[in-house]
Amino acid sequence: MTVLTGHVRTITQQQAAAPAAGAVEEQLAAGLARVLAEHGDRYPQATAALTGAAPAERNQAWTFGLRRILGGPAELIAARQ
């Protein structure tokens, strides 16, 4: 419940602070890309999950995050193999 509440709060705060729809998600995606480029080999599961996301999923943090919280990362990895 704490993780779910945190996700809702974070997305709500990001949307309130973002001047344009999708701006925060684009900034987050760019930041994650930089981190994965530098450290992706240390986190292969995270890299596989994040780089395999379809562009539509990347721009829908609310839905994507909610599905991961409720369905678990294992479901995502299994679906992409």
PDB file of N, CA and C in Angstrom:
ATOM      1  N   MET A   1       0.821  -1.179   0.000  1.00  0.00           N
ATOM      2  CA  MET A   1       0.000   0.000   0.000  1.00  0.00           C
ATOM      3  C   MET A   1       0.877   1.260   0.000  1.00  0.00           C
ATOM      4  N   THR A   2       1.993   1.203   0.709  1.00  0.00           N
ATOM      5  CA  THR A   2       2.891   2.356   0.756  1.00  0.00           C
ATOM      6  C   THR A   2       3.454   2.663  -0.628  1.00  0.00           C
ATOM      7  N   VAL A   3       3.849   1.630  -1.359  1.00  0.00           N
ATOM      8  CA  VAL A   3       4.397   1.827  -2.701  1.00  0.00           C
ATOM      9  C   VAL A   3       3.331   2.410  -3.625  1.00  0.00           C
ATOM     10  N   LEU A   4       2.125   1.886  -3.543  1.00  0.00           N
ATOM     11  CA  LEU A   4       1.031   2.382  -4.381  1.00  0.00           C
ATOM     12  C   LEU A   4       0.719   3.844  -4.069  1.00  0.00           C
ATOM     13  N   THR A   5       0.628   4.172  -2.798  1.00  0.00           N
ATOM     14  CA  THR A   5       0.364   5.551  -2.386  1.00  0.00           C
ATOM     15  C   THR A   5       1.490   6.477  -2.843  1.00  0.00           C
ATOM     16  N   GLY A   6       2.724   6.012  -2.711  1.00  0.00           N
ATOM     17  CA  GLY A   6       3.870   6.805  -3.156  1.00  0.00           C
ATOM     18  C   GLY A   6       3.837   7.067  -4.652  1.00  0.00           C
ATOM     19  N   HIS A   7       3.447   6.060  -5.414  1.00  0.00           N
ATOM     20  CA  HIS A   7       3.351   6.226  -6.871  1.00  0.00           C
ATOM     21  C   HIS A   7       2.304   7.280  -7.220  1.00  0.00           C
ATOM     22  N   VAL A   8       1.145   7.176  -6.611  1.00  0.00           N
ATOM     23  CA  VAL A   8       0.069   8.138  -6.866  1.00  0.00           C
ATOM     24  C   VAL A   8       0.524   9.549  -6.505  1.00  0.00           C
ATOM     25  N   ARG A   9       1.145   9.698  -5.344  1.00  0.00           N
ATOM     26  CA  ARG A   9       1.597  11.016  -4.895  1.00  0.00           C
ATOM     27  C   ARG A   9       2.652  11.587  -5.844  1.00  0.00           C
ATOM     28  N   THR A  10       3.613  10.767  -6.226  1.00  0.00           N
ATOM     29  CA  THR A  10       4.689  11.233  -7.094  1.00  0.00           C
ATOM     30  C   THR A  10       4.170  11.683  -8.454  1.00  0.00           C
ATOM     31  N   ILE A  11       3.327  10.873  -9.070  1.00  0.00           N
ATOM     32  CA  ILE A  11       2.791  11.239 -10.381  1.00  0.00           C
ATOM     33  C   ILE A  11       1.945  12.508 -10.284  1.00  0.00           C
ATOM     34  N   THR A  12       1.166  12.614  -9.229  1.00  0.00           N
ATOM     35  CA  THR A  12       0.334  13.805  -9.033  1.00  0.00           C
ATOM     36  C   THR A  12       1.198  15.050  -8.880  1.00  0.00           C
ATOM     37  N   GLN A  13       2.260  14.955  -8.084  1.00  0.00           N
ATOM     38  CA  GLN A  13       3.154  16.095  -7.890  1.00  0.00           C
ATOM     39  C   GLN A  13       3.863  16.469  -9.189  1.00  0.00           C
ATOM     40  N   GLN A  14       4.295  15.466  -9.945  1.00  0.00           N
ATOM     41  CA  GLN A  14       4.966  15.737 -11.213  1.00  0.00           C
ATOM     42  C   GLN A  14       4.034  16.434 -12.191  1.00  0.00           C
ATOM     43  N   GLN A  15       2.810  15.960 -12.270  1.00  0.00           N
ATOM     44  CA  GLN A  15       1.854  16.563 -13.199  1.00  0.00           C
ATOM     45  C   GLN A  15       1.517  17.995 -12.798  1.00  0.00           C
ATOM     46  N   ALA A  16       1.434  18.243 -11.505  1.00  0.00           N
ATOM     47  CA  ALA A  16       1.131  19.602 -11.036  1.00  0.00           C
ATOM     48  C   ALA A  16       2.280  20.562 -11.344  1.00  0.00           C
ATOM     49  N   ALA A  17       3.512  20.054 -11.303  1.00  0.00           N
ATOM     50  CA  ALA A  17       4.681  20.900 -11.523  1.00  0.00           C
ATOM     51  C   ALA A  17       5.042  21.046 -12.997  1.00  0.00           C
ATOM     52  N   ALA A  18       4.559  20.144 -13.837  1.00  0.00           N
ATOM     53  CA  ALA A  18       4.941  20.147 -15.253  1.00  0.00           C
ATOM     54  C   ALA A  18       4.165  21.207 -16.021  1.00  0.00           C
ATOM     55  N   PRO A  19       4.859  22.042 -16.776  1.00  0.00           N
ATOM     56  CA  PRO A  19       4.166  23.061 -17.559  1.00  0.00           C
ATOM     57  C   PRO A  19       3.398  22.478 -18.741  1.00  0.00           C
ATOM     58  N   ALA A  20       3.846  21.362 -19.264  1.00  0.00           N
ATOM     59  CA  ALA A  20       3.175  20.737 -20.410  1.00  0.00           C
ATOM     60  C   ALA A  20       3.023  19.245 -20.155  1.00  0.00           C
ATOM     61  N   ALA A  21       1.938  18.690 -20.626  1.00  0.00           N
ATOM     62  CA  ALA A  21       1.706  17.259 -20.452  1.00  0.00           C
ATOM     63  C   ALA A  21       2.850  16.476 -21.084  1.00  0.00           C
ATOM     64  N   GLY A  22       3.381  15.523 -20.346  1.00  0.00           N
ATOM     65  CA  GLY A  22       4.453  14.679 -20.852  1.00  0.00           C
ATOM     66  C   GLY A  22       5.843  15.228 -20.641  1.00  0.00           C
ATOM     67  N   ALA A  23       5.983  16.484 -20.238  1.00  0.00           N
ATOM     68  CA  ALA A  23       7.308  17.091 -20.081  1.00  0.00           C
ATOM     69  C   ALA A  23       8.125  16.365 -19.023  1.00  0.00           C
ATOM     70  N   VAL A  24       7.511  16.039 -17.908  1.00  0.00           N
ATOM     71  CA  VAL A  24       8.228  15.360 -16.829  1.00  0.00           C
ATOM     72  C   VAL A  24       8.654  13.972 -17.274  1.00  0.00           C
ATOM     73  N   GLU A  25       7.771  13.263 -17.948  1.00  0.00           N
ATOM     74  CA  GLU A  25       8.103  11.917 -18.404  1.00  0.00           C
ATOM     75  C   GLU A  25       9.254  11.939 -19.402  1.00  0.00           C
ATOM     76  N   GLU A  26       9.281  12.939 -20.271  1.00  0.00           N
ATOM     77  CA  GLU A  26      10.379  13.062 -21.226  1.00  0.00           C
ATOM     78  C   GLU A  26      11.696  13.337 -20.509  1.00  0.00           C
ATOM     79  N   GLN A  27      11.668  14.195 -19.494  1.00  0.00           N
ATOM     80  CA  GLN A  27      12.872  14.484 -18.716  1.00  0.00           C
ATOM     81  C   GLN A  27      13.326  13.244 -17.959  1.00  0.00           C
ATOM     82  N   LEU A  28      12.384  12.513 -17.385  1.00  0.00           N
ATOM     83  CA  LEU A  28      12.717  11.292 -16.658  1.00  0.00           C
ATOM     84  C   LEU A  28      13.323  10.259 -17.600  1.00  0.00           C
ATOM     85  N   ALA A  29      12.737  10.082 -18.771  1.00  0.00           N
ATOM     86  CA  ALA A  29      13.257   9.127 -19.745  1.00  0.00           C
ATOM     87  C   ALA A  29      14.679   9.491 -20.160  1.00  0.00           C
ATOM     88  N   ALA A  30      14.943  10.771 -20.369  1.00  0.00           N
ATOM     89  CA  ALA A  30      16.287  11.213 -20.749  1.00  0.00           C
ATOM     90  C   ALA A  30      17.283  10.941 -19.625  1.00  0.00           C
ATOM     91  N   GLY A  31      16.873  11.202 -18.394  1.00  0.00           N
ATOM     92  CA  GLY A  31      17.739  10.933 -17.246  1.00  0.00           C
ATOM     93  C   GLY A  31      18.026   9.453 -17.082  1.00  0.00           C
ATOM     94  N   LEU A  32      16.999   8.632 -17.218  1.00  0.00           N
ATOM     95  CA  LEU A  32      17.189   7.186 -17.111  1.00  0.00           C
ATOM     96  C   LEU A  32      18.089   6.668 -18.225  1.00  0.00           C
ATOM     97  N   ALA A  33      17.946   7.216 -19.413  1.00  0.00           N
ATOM     98  CA  ALA A  33      18.796   6.796 -20.532  1.00  0.00           C
ATOM     99  C   ALA A  33      20.263   7.072 -20.227  1.00  0.00           C
ATOM    100  N   ARG A  34      20.541   8.227 -19.629  1.00  0.00           N
ATOM    101  CA  ARG A  34      21.932   8.557 -19.263  1.00  0.00           C
ATOM    102  C   ARG A  34      22.465   7.594 -18.207  1.00  0.00           C
ATOM    103  N   VAL A  35      21.650   7.293 -17.207  1.00  0.00           N
ATOM    104  CA  VAL A  35      22.076   6.375 -16.141  1.00  0.00           C
ATOM    105  C   VAL A  35      22.311   4.981 -16.707  1.00  0.00           C
ATOM    106  N   LEU A  36      21.393   4.499 -17.544  1.00  0.00           N
ATOM    107  CA  LEU A  36      21.546   3.166 -18.123  1.00  0.00           C
ATOM    108  C   LEU A  36      22.747   3.089 -19.053  1.00  0.00           C
ATOM    109  N   ALA A  37      23.029   4.163 -19.773  1.00  0.00           N
ATOM    110  CA  ALA A  37      24.195   4.171 -20.655  1.00  0.00           C
ATOM    111  C   ALA A  37      25.480   4.017 -19.853  1.00  0.00           C
ATOM    112  N   GLU A  38      25.511   4.604 -18.680  1.00  0.00           N
ATOM    113  CA  GLU A  38      26.717   4.561 -17.851  1.00  0.00           C
ATOM    114  C   GLU A  38      26.774   3.344 -16.936  1.00  0.00           C
ATOM    115  N   HIS A  39      25.634   2.929 -16.391  1.00  0.00           N
ATOM    116  CA  HIS A  39      25.632   1.884 -15.366  1.00  0.00           C
ATOM    117  C   HIS A  39      24.746   0.687 -15.692  1.00  0.00           C
ATOM    118  N   GLY A  40      24.236   0.603 -16.903  1.00  0.00           N
ATOM    119  CA  GLY A  40      23.299  -0.454 -17.264  1.00  0.00           C
ATOM    120  C   GLY A  40      23.826  -1.855 -17.042  1.00  0.00           C
ATOM    121  N   ASP A  41      25.130  -2.048 -17.220  1.00  0.00           N
ATOM    122  CA  ASP A  41      25.704  -3.381 -17.029  1.00  0.00           C
ATOM    123  C   ASP A  41      25.634  -3.842 -15.575  1.00  0.00           C
ATOM    124  N   ARG A  42      25.509  -2.925 -14.640  1.00  0.00           N
ATOM    125  CA  ARG A  42      25.409  -3.276 -13.218  1.00  0.00           C
ATOM    126  C   ARG A  42      23.991  -3.672 -12.829  1.00  0.00           C
ATOM    127  N   TYR A  43      23.019  -3.291 -13.657  1.00  0.00           N
ATOM    128  CA  TYR A  43      21.610  -3.543 -13.353  1.00  0.00           C
ATOM    129  C   TYR A  43      20.916  -4.142 -14.577  1.00  0.00           C
ATOM    130  N   PRO A  44      21.267  -5.371 -14.949  1.00  0.00           N
ATOM    131  CA  PRO A  44      20.736  -5.937 -16.194  1.00  0.00           C
ATOM    132  C   PRO A  44      19.214  -6.106 -16.208  1.00  0.00           C
ATOM    133  N   GLN A  45      18.616  -6.455 -15.072  1.00  0.00           N
ATOM    134  CA  GLN A  45      17.159  -6.622 -15.050  1.00  0.00           C
ATOM    135  C   GLN A  45      16.453  -5.285 -15.254  1.00  0.00           C
ATOM    136  N   ALA A  46      16.927  -4.259 -14.586  1.00  0.00           N
ATOM    137  CA  ALA A  46      16.327  -2.933 -14.750  1.00  0.00           C
ATOM    138  C   ALA A  46      16.522  -2.439 -16.179  1.00  0.00           C
ATOM    139  N   THR A  47      17.699  -2.674 -16.726  1.00  0.00           N
ATOM    140  CA  THR A  47      17.976  -2.260 -18.096  1.00  0.00           C
ATOM    141  C   THR A  47      17.038  -2.961 -19.069  1.00  0.00           C
ATOM    142  N   ALA A  48      16.851  -4.271 -18.890  1.00  0.00           N
ATOM    143  CA  ALA A  48      15.960  -5.028 -19.775  1.00  0.00           C
ATOM    144  C   ALA A  48      14.530  -4.512 -19.689  1.00  0.00           C
ATOM    145  N   ALA A  49      14.068  -4.234 -18.490  1.00  0.00           N
ATOM    146  CA  ALA A  49      12.690  -3.769 -18.310  1.00  0.00           C
ATOM    147  C   ALA A  49      12.492  -2.377 -18.896  1.00  0.00           C
ATOM    148  N   LEU A  50      13.443  -1.493 -18.673  1.00  0.00           N
ATOM    149  CA  LEU A  50      13.276  -0.104 -19.107  1.00  0.00           C
ATOM    150  C   LEU A  50      13.547   0.105 -20.589  1.00  0.00           C
ATOM    151  N   THR A  51      14.504  -0.615 -21.136  1.00  0.00           N
ATOM    152  CA  THR A  51      14.799  -0.428 -22.553  1.00  0.00           C
ATOM    153  C   THR A  51      13.811  -1.168 -23.434  1.00  0.00           C
ATOM    154  N   GLY A  52      13.106  -2.133 -22.871  1.00  0.00           N
ATOM    155  CA  GLY A  52      12.123  -2.874 -23.654  1.00  0.00           C
ATOM    156  C   GLY A  52      10.774  -2.203 -23.712  1.00  0.00           C
ATOM    157  N   ALA A  53      10.586  -1.135 -22.968  1.00  0.00           N
ATOM    158  CA  ALA A  53       9.284  -0.459 -22.941  1.00  0.00           C
ATOM    159  C   ALA A  53       9.002   0.192 -24.285  1.00  0.00           C
ATOM    160  N   ALA A  54       7.804  -0.016 -24.761  1.00  0.00           N
ATOM    161  CA  ALA A  54       7.386   0.618 -26.013  1.00  0.00           C
ATOM    162  C   ALA A  54       7.288   2.121 -25.794  1.00  0.00           C
ATOM    163  N   PRO A  55       7.487   2.925 -26.822  1.00  0.00           N
ATOM    164  CA  PRO A  55       7.397   4.383 -26.655  1.00  0.00           C
ATOM    165  C   PRO A  55       6.097   4.837 -26.000  1.00  0.00           C
ATOM    166  N   ALA A  56       4.985   4.206 -26.327  1.00  0.00           N
ATOM    167  CA  ALA A  56       3.711   4.595 -25.709  1.00  0.00           C
ATOM    168  C   ALA A  56       3.737   4.342 -24.206  1.00  0.00           C
ATOM    169  N   GLU A  57       4.382   3.245 -23.792  1.00  0.00           N
ATOM    170  CA  GLU A  57       4.478   2.951 -22.358  1.00  0.00           C
ATOM    171  C   GLU A  57       5.367   3.965 -21.653  1.00  0.00           C
ATOM    172  N   ARG A  58       6.450   4.376 -22.304  1.00  0.00           N
ATOM    173  CA  ARG A  58       7.359   5.333 -21.690  1.00  0.00           C
ATOM    174  C   ARG A  58       6.662   6.652 -21.404  1.00  0.00           C
ATOM    175  N   ASN A  59       5.687   7.004 -22.203  1.00  0.00           N
ATOM    176  CA  ASN A  59       4.990   8.263 -22.030  1.00  0.00           C
ATOM    177  C   ASN A  59       3.732   8.137 -21.192  1.00  0.00           C
ATOM    178  N   GLN A  60       3.590   7.034 -20.509  1.00  0.00           N
ATOM    179  CA  GLN A  60       2.429   6.820 -19.661  1.00  0.00           C
ATOM    180  C   GLN A  60       2.896   6.287 -18.310  1.00  0.00           C
ATOM    181  N   ALA A  61       3.612   7.112 -17.584  1.00  0.00           N
ATOM    182  CA  ALA A  61       4.197   6.695 -16.310  1.00  0.00           C
ATOM    183  C   ALA A  61       3.147   6.189 -15.333  1.00  0.00           C
ATOM    184  N   TRP A  62       1.996   6.826 -15.316  1.00  0.00           N
ATOM    185  CA  TRP A  62       0.933   6.421 -14.385  1.00  0.00           C
ATOM    186  C   TRP A  62       0.548   4.968 -14.614  1.00  0.00           C
ATOM    187  N   THR A  63       0.159   4.637 -15.847  1.00  0.00           N
ATOM    188  CA  THR A  63      -0.309   3.291 -16.168  1.00  0.00           C
ATOM    189  C   THR A  63       0.811   2.275 -16.043  1.00  0.00           C
ATOM    190  N   PHE A  64       1.972   2.596 -16.599  1.00  0.00           N
ATOM    191  CA  PHE A  64       3.102   1.676 -16.547  1.00  0.00           C
ATOM    192  C   PHE A  64       3.486   1.380 -15.102  1.00  0.00           C
ATOM    193  N   GLY A  65       3.625   2.418 -14.288  1.00  0.00           N
ATOM    194  CA  GLY A  65       3.998   2.233 -12.886  1.00  0.00           C
ATOM    195  C   GLY A  65       2.961   1.454 -12.108  1.00  0.00           C
ATOM    196  N   LEU A  66       1.704   1.748 -12.338  1.00  0.00           N
ATOM    197  CA  LEU A  66       0.633   1.043 -11.646  1.00  0.00           C
ATOM    198  C   LEU A  66       0.632  -0.438 -12.007  1.00  0.00           C
ATOM    199  N   ARG A  67       0.842  -0.738 -13.273  1.00  0.00           N
ATOM    200  CA  ARG A  67       0.907  -2.150 -13.694  1.00  0.00           C
ATOM    201  C   ARG A  67       2.089  -2.864 -13.056  1.00  0.00           C
ATOM    202  N   ARG A  68       3.226  -2.187 -12.933  1.00  0.00           N
ATOM    203  CA  ARG A  68       4.393  -2.825 -12.317  1.00  0.00           C
ATOM    204  C   ARG A  68       4.152  -3.062 -10.829  1.00  0.00           C
ATOM    205  N   ILE A  69       3.530  -2.097 -10.173  1.00  0.00           N
ATOM    206  CA  ILE A  69       3.265  -2.237  -8.740  1.00  0.00           C
ATOM    207  C   ILE A  69       2.293  -3.381  -8.495  1.00  0.00           C
ATOM    208  N   LEU A  70       1.213  -3.415  -9.261  1.00  0.00           N
ATOM    209  CA  LEU A  70       0.181  -4.423  -9.031  1.00  0.00           C
ATOM    210  C   LEU A  70       0.525  -5.778  -9.639  1.00  0.00           C
ATOM    211  N   GLY A  71       1.215  -5.790 -10.774  1.00  0.00           N
ATOM    212  CA  GLY A  71       1.537  -7.043 -11.447  1.00  0.00           C
ATOM    213  C   GLY A  71       2.926  -7.561 -11.151  1.00  0.00           C
ATOM    214  N   GLY A  72       3.796  -6.683 -10.735  1.00  0.00           N
ATOM    215  CA  GLY A  72       5.154  -7.080 -10.402  1.00  0.00           C
ATOM    216  C   GLY A  72       6.089  -7.055 -11.596  1.00  0.00           C
ATOM    217  N   PRO A  73       7.352  -6.830 -11.327  1.00  0.00           N
ATOM    218  CA  PRO A  73       8.358  -6.802 -12.391  1.00  0.00           C
ATOM    219  C   PRO A  73       8.490  -8.139 -13.113  1.00  0.00           C
ATOM    220  N   ALA A  74       8.276  -9.248 -12.412  1.00  0.00           N
ATOM    221  CA  ALA A  74       8.415 -10.563 -13.035  1.00  0.00           C
ATOM    222  C   ALA A  74       7.442 -10.721 -14.198  1.00  0.00           C
ATOM    223  N   GLU A  75       6.244 -10.186 -14.053  1.00  0.00           N
ATOM    224  CA  GLU A  75       5.242 -10.248 -15.124  1.00  0.00           C
ATOM    225  C   GLU A  75       5.739  -9.511 -16.364  1.00  0.00           C
ATOM    226  N   LEU A  76       6.334  -8.360 -16.180  1.00  0.00           N
ATOM    227  CA  LEU A  76       6.864  -7.577 -17.294  1.00  0.00           C
ATOM    228  C   LEU A  76       7.990  -8.330 -17.994  1.00  0.00           C
ATOM    229  N   ILE A  77       8.917  -8.856 -17.225  1.00  0.00           N
ATOM    230  CA  ILE A  77      10.054  -9.574 -17.800  1.00  0.00           C
ATOM    231  C   ILE A  77       9.579 -10.806 -18.554  1.00  0.00           C
ATOM    232  N   ALA A  78       8.651 -11.570 -17.968  1.00  0.00           N
ATOM    233  CA  ALA A  78       8.124 -12.770 -18.625  1.00  0.00           C
ATOM    234  C   ALA A  78       7.408 -12.423 -19.926  1.00  0.00           C
ATOM    235  N   ALA A  79       6.684 -11.324 -19.942  1.00  0.00           N
ATOM    236  CA  ALA A  79       5.944 -10.923 -21.138  1.00  0.00           C
ATOM    237  C   ALA A  79       6.875 -10.521 -22.272  1.00  0.00           C
ATOM    238  N   ARG A  80       8.068 -10.079 -21.950  1.00  0.00           N
ATOM    239  CA  ARG A  80       9.001  -9.596 -22.974  1.00  0.00           C
ATOM    240  C   ARG A  80       9.991 -10.655 -23.430  1.00  0.00           C
ATOM    241  N   GLN A  81       9.938 -11.817 -22.842  1.00  0.00           N
ATOM    242  CA  GLN A  81      10.885 -12.874 -23.237  1.00  0.00           C
ATOM    243  C   GLN A  81      10.310 -13.755 -24.305  1.00  0.00           C
TER     244      GLN A  81
END
